[in-house]
Amino acid sequence: MHCDIHYTLHRHRTAELMAVAARLRPRRPALRHRAGWLMVDLGLRLVQSRPAPACSARTA
């Protein structure tokens, strides 16, 4: 097969596959993904709102 024809067929097939992948891609993040980031956000807020300890532990 001539290399130009092979390249043209490859580009066409790639465009088809990318179109199919774009249609199958989810529009919004999955519930598990969103819940995970919600927990990270909540954890960061809890850490920032915690008061500083009166005295810090000392090691010898």
C-alpha atoms as a PDB file:
ATOM      1  CA  MET A   1       0.000   0.000   0.000  1.00  0.00           C
ATOM      2  CA  HIS A   2       1.284   3.461  -0.825  1.00  0.00           C
ATOM      3  CA  CYS A   3       2.343   5.438   2.262  1.00  0.00           C
ATOM      4  CA  ASP A   4       0.124   8.450   1.440  1.00  0.00           C
ATOM      5  CA  ILE A   5      -2.964   6.254   1.185  1.00  0.00           C
ATOM      6  CA  HIS A   6      -2.053   4.500   4.433  1.00  0.00           C
ATOM      7  CA  TYR A   7      -1.637   7.867   6.200  1.00  0.00           C
ATOM      8  CA  THR A   8      -4.975   9.160   4.845  1.00  0.00           C
ATOM      9  CA  LEU A   9      -6.814   6.031   6.015  1.00  0.00           C
ATOM     10  CA  HIS A  10      -5.137   6.292   9.409  1.00  0.00           C
ATOM     11  CA  ARG A  11      -6.215   9.942   9.826  1.00  0.00           C
ATOM     12  CA  HIS A  12      -9.794   9.089   8.829  1.00  0.00           C
ATOM     13  CA  ARG A  13      -9.979   6.186  11.298  1.00  0.00           C
ATOM     14  CA  THR A  14      -8.491   8.345  14.050  1.00  0.00           C
ATOM     15  CA  ALA A  15     -11.124  11.025  13.469  1.00  0.00           C
ATOM     16  CA  GLU A  16     -13.877   8.392  13.677  1.00  0.00           C
ATOM     17  CA  LEU A  17     -12.532   6.974  16.928  1.00  0.00           C
ATOM     18  CA  MET A  18     -12.165  10.425  18.494  1.00  0.00           C
ATOM     19  CA  ALA A  19     -15.774  11.253  17.577  1.00  0.00           C
ATOM     20  CA  VAL A  20     -17.016   8.043  19.210  1.00  0.00           C
ATOM     21  CA  ALA A  21     -14.939   8.717  22.334  1.00  0.00           C
ATOM     22  CA  ALA A  22     -16.307  12.267  22.576  1.00  0.00           C
ATOM     23  CA  ARG A  23     -19.877  10.945  22.471  1.00  0.00           C
ATOM     24  CA  LEU A  24     -19.194   8.350  25.173  1.00  0.00           C
ATOM     25  CA  ARG A  25     -17.335  10.701  27.516  1.00  0.00           C
ATOM     26  CA  PRO A  26     -19.401  11.577  30.594  1.00  0.00           C
ATOM     27  CA  ARG A  27     -20.582  15.181  30.729  1.00  0.00           C
ATOM     28  CA  ARG A  28     -20.045  15.697  34.460  1.00  0.00           C
ATOM     29  CA  PRO A  29     -17.802  13.992  36.987  1.00  0.00           C
ATOM     30  CA  ALA A  30     -19.013  10.792  38.583  1.00  0.00           C
ATOM     31  CA  LEU A  31     -20.666  10.879  41.992  1.00  0.00           C
ATOM     32  CA  ARG A  32     -17.687   9.136  43.582  1.00  0.00           C
ATOM     33  CA  HIS A  33     -15.331  11.788  42.212  1.00  0.00           C
ATOM     34  CA  ARG A  34     -17.481  14.680  43.445  1.00  0.00           C
ATOM     35  CA  ALA A  35     -17.978  13.061  46.884  1.00  0.00           C
ATOM     36  CA  GLY A  36     -14.222  12.580  47.239  1.00  0.00           C
ATOM     37  CA  TRP A  37     -13.490  16.247  46.550  1.00  0.00           C
ATOM     38  CA  LEU A  38     -16.292  17.264  48.921  1.00  0.00           C
ATOM     39  CA  MET A  39     -14.633  15.268  51.715  1.00  0.00           C
ATOM     40  CA  VAL A  40     -11.246  16.829  50.936  1.00  0.00           C
ATOM     41  CA  ASP A  41     -12.786  20.296  51.074  1.00  0.00           C
ATOM     42  CA  LEU A  42     -14.544  19.531  54.356  1.00  0.00           C
ATOM     43  CA  GLY A  43     -11.346  18.128  55.875  1.00  0.00           C
ATOM     44  CA  LEU A  44      -9.384  21.235  54.914  1.00  0.00           C
ATOM     45  CA  ARG A  45     -12.027  23.471  56.465  1.00  0.00           C
ATOM     46  CA  LEU A  46     -11.963  21.461  59.698  1.00  0.00           C
ATOM     47  CA  VAL A  47      -8.182  21.640  59.921  1.00  0.00           C
ATOM     48  CA  GLN A  48      -8.152  25.392  59.353  1.00  0.00           C
ATOM     49  CA  SER A  49     -10.880  26.080  61.919  1.00  0.00           C
ATOM     50  CA  ARG A  50      -9.219  24.055  64.703  1.00  0.00           C
ATOM     51  CA  PRO A  51      -7.743  26.319  67.423  1.00  0.00           C
ATOM     52  CA  ALA A  52      -3.986  26.184  68.023  1.00  0.00           C
ATOM     53  CA  PRO A  53      -2.870  24.095  71.005  1.00  0.00           C
ATOM     54  CA  ALA A  54      -2.026  26.014  74.198  1.00  0.00           C
ATOM     55  CA  CYS A  55       1.412  24.441  74.396  1.00  0.00           C
ATOM     56  CA  SER A  56       3.212  22.209  72.020  1.00  0.00           C
ATOM     57  CA  ALA A  57       4.730  18.861  72.950  1.00  0.00           C
ATOM     58  CA  ARG A  58       8.481  18.956  73.477  1.00  0.00           C
ATOM     59  CA  THR A  59      10.930  16.198  72.862  1.00  0.00           C
ATOM     60  CA  ALA A  60      14.202  15.713  74.679  1.00  0.00           C
END
